[in-house]
């Protein structure tokens, strides 16, 4: 099972922003869970 990390994203531009900033502006931001960890190698 892969690990996940929360990231804030601006809904208008799509750019990543700090989570604290996203929590201050809930109407224009989204807090997402993104998979993190090593990339699987193809054989």
N, C-alpha and C. Protein backbone atom coordinates (compact mmCIF):
# COMPACT_ATOMS: atom_id res chain seq x y z
N UNK A 1 0.84 -1.18 0.00
CA UNK A 1 0.00 0.00 0.00
C UNK A 1 0.88 1.24 0.00
N UNK A 2 0.56 2.19 -0.85
CA UNK A 2 1.38 3.39 -0.96
C UNK A 2 1.02 4.40 0.13
N UNK A 3 1.97 5.24 0.46
CA UNK A 3 1.75 6.27 1.46
C UNK A 3 1.08 7.47 0.79
N UNK A 4 0.32 8.22 1.57
CA UNK A 4 -0.32 9.42 1.04
C UNK A 4 0.09 10.62 1.87
N UNK A 5 0.02 11.78 1.23
CA UNK A 5 0.36 13.03 1.88
C UNK A 5 -0.68 14.06 1.49
N UNK A 6 -1.05 14.94 2.42
CA UNK A 6 -2.02 15.98 2.11
C UNK A 6 -1.30 17.18 1.50
N UNK A 7 -1.88 17.73 0.45
CA UNK A 7 -1.33 18.91 -0.22
C UNK A 7 -2.48 19.87 -0.47
N UNK A 8 -2.20 21.15 -0.33
CA UNK A 8 -3.19 22.17 -0.66
C UNK A 8 -3.05 22.57 -2.11
N UNK A 9 -4.17 22.85 -2.77
CA UNK A 9 -4.14 23.25 -4.17
C UNK A 9 -5.14 24.38 -4.38
N UNK A 10 -4.71 25.41 -5.12
CA UNK A 10 -5.59 26.51 -5.47
C UNK A 10 -6.55 26.04 -6.56
N UNK A 11 -7.84 26.26 -6.38
CA UNK A 11 -8.84 25.76 -7.32
C UNK A 11 -8.83 26.54 -8.63
N UNK A 12 -8.41 27.80 -8.61
CA UNK A 12 -8.41 28.61 -9.82
C UNK A 12 -7.22 28.31 -10.71
N UNK A 13 -6.01 28.29 -10.13
CA UNK A 13 -4.79 28.13 -10.92
C UNK A 13 -4.29 26.71 -10.97
N UNK A 14 -4.63 25.89 -9.98
CA UNK A 14 -4.16 24.51 -9.93
C UNK A 14 -2.79 24.37 -9.30
N UNK A 15 -2.22 25.47 -8.81
CA UNK A 15 -0.89 25.41 -8.20
C UNK A 15 -0.98 24.92 -6.76
N UNK A 16 0.08 24.23 -6.33
CA UNK A 16 0.15 23.77 -4.96
C UNK A 16 0.46 24.94 -4.04
N UNK A 17 -0.21 24.96 -2.88
CA UNK A 17 0.00 25.99 -1.87
C UNK A 17 0.12 25.31 -0.51
N UNK A 18 0.63 26.01 0.50
CA UNK A 18 0.73 25.41 1.83
C UNK A 18 -0.65 25.04 2.40
N UNK A 19 -0.70 23.99 3.21
CA UNK A 19 -1.97 23.52 3.76
C UNK A 19 -2.61 24.58 4.66
N UNK A 20 -1.79 25.29 5.42
CA UNK A 20 -2.34 26.33 6.30
C UNK A 20 -3.03 27.42 5.49
N UNK A 21 -2.45 27.78 4.37
CA UNK A 21 -3.06 28.78 3.49
C UNK A 21 -4.37 28.25 2.91
N UNK A 22 -4.41 26.97 2.56
CA UNK A 22 -5.63 26.36 2.02
C UNK A 22 -6.74 26.32 3.06
N UNK A 23 -6.39 26.11 4.30
CA UNK A 23 -7.40 26.08 5.36
C UNK A 23 -7.96 27.47 5.63
N UNK A 24 -7.18 28.52 5.38
CA UNK A 24 -7.66 29.89 5.56
C UNK A 24 -8.66 30.28 4.48
N UNK A 25 -8.51 29.72 3.28
CA UNK A 25 -9.37 30.08 2.15
C UNK A 25 -10.12 28.85 1.62
N UNK A 26 -11.08 28.32 2.38
CA UNK A 26 -11.74 27.08 1.96
C UNK A 26 -12.62 27.23 0.72
N UNK A 27 -13.05 28.45 0.39
CA UNK A 27 -13.93 28.61 -0.77
C UNK A 27 -13.19 28.52 -2.10
N UNK A 28 -11.87 28.83 -2.10
CA UNK A 28 -11.13 28.82 -3.36
C UNK A 28 -9.98 27.82 -3.37
N UNK A 29 -9.92 26.93 -2.38
CA UNK A 29 -8.83 25.96 -2.32
C UNK A 29 -9.36 24.56 -2.01
N UNK A 30 -8.49 23.57 -2.26
CA UNK A 30 -8.82 22.17 -2.02
C UNK A 30 -7.63 21.53 -1.32
N UNK A 31 -7.89 20.70 -0.32
CA UNK A 31 -6.82 19.91 0.31
C UNK A 31 -6.98 18.49 -0.20
N UNK A 32 -5.96 18.00 -0.92
CA UNK A 32 -6.01 16.70 -1.56
C UNK A 32 -5.05 15.73 -0.89
N UNK A 33 -5.34 14.44 -1.04
CA UNK A 33 -4.40 13.40 -0.62
C UNK A 33 -3.73 12.87 -1.88
N UNK A 34 -2.40 12.91 -1.88
CA UNK A 34 -1.63 12.53 -3.05
C UNK A 34 -0.70 11.37 -2.68
N UNK A 35 -0.58 10.40 -3.57
CA UNK A 35 0.32 9.28 -3.32
C UNK A 35 1.76 9.76 -3.38
N UNK A 36 2.57 9.34 -2.41
CA UNK A 36 3.99 9.66 -2.39
C UNK A 36 4.77 8.39 -2.13
N UNK A 37 6.01 8.38 -2.53
CA UNK A 37 6.83 7.22 -2.30
C UNK A 37 7.60 6.85 -3.55
N UNK A 38 8.31 5.77 -3.50
CA UNK A 38 9.11 5.36 -4.67
C UNK A 38 8.24 4.97 -5.86
N UNK A 39 8.72 5.24 -7.05
CA UNK A 39 8.03 4.90 -8.27
C UNK A 39 8.31 3.44 -8.58
N UNK A 40 7.29 2.69 -8.97
CA UNK A 40 7.47 1.29 -9.31
C UNK A 40 8.24 1.17 -10.62
N UNK A 41 9.20 0.26 -10.67
CA UNK A 41 10.00 0.04 -11.87
C UNK A 41 9.31 -0.97 -12.77
N UNK A 42 9.34 -0.70 -14.05
CA UNK A 42 8.77 -1.63 -15.01
C UNK A 42 9.82 -2.67 -15.39
N UNK A 43 9.37 -3.87 -15.60
CA UNK A 43 10.29 -4.95 -15.96
C UNK A 43 10.56 -5.00 -17.44
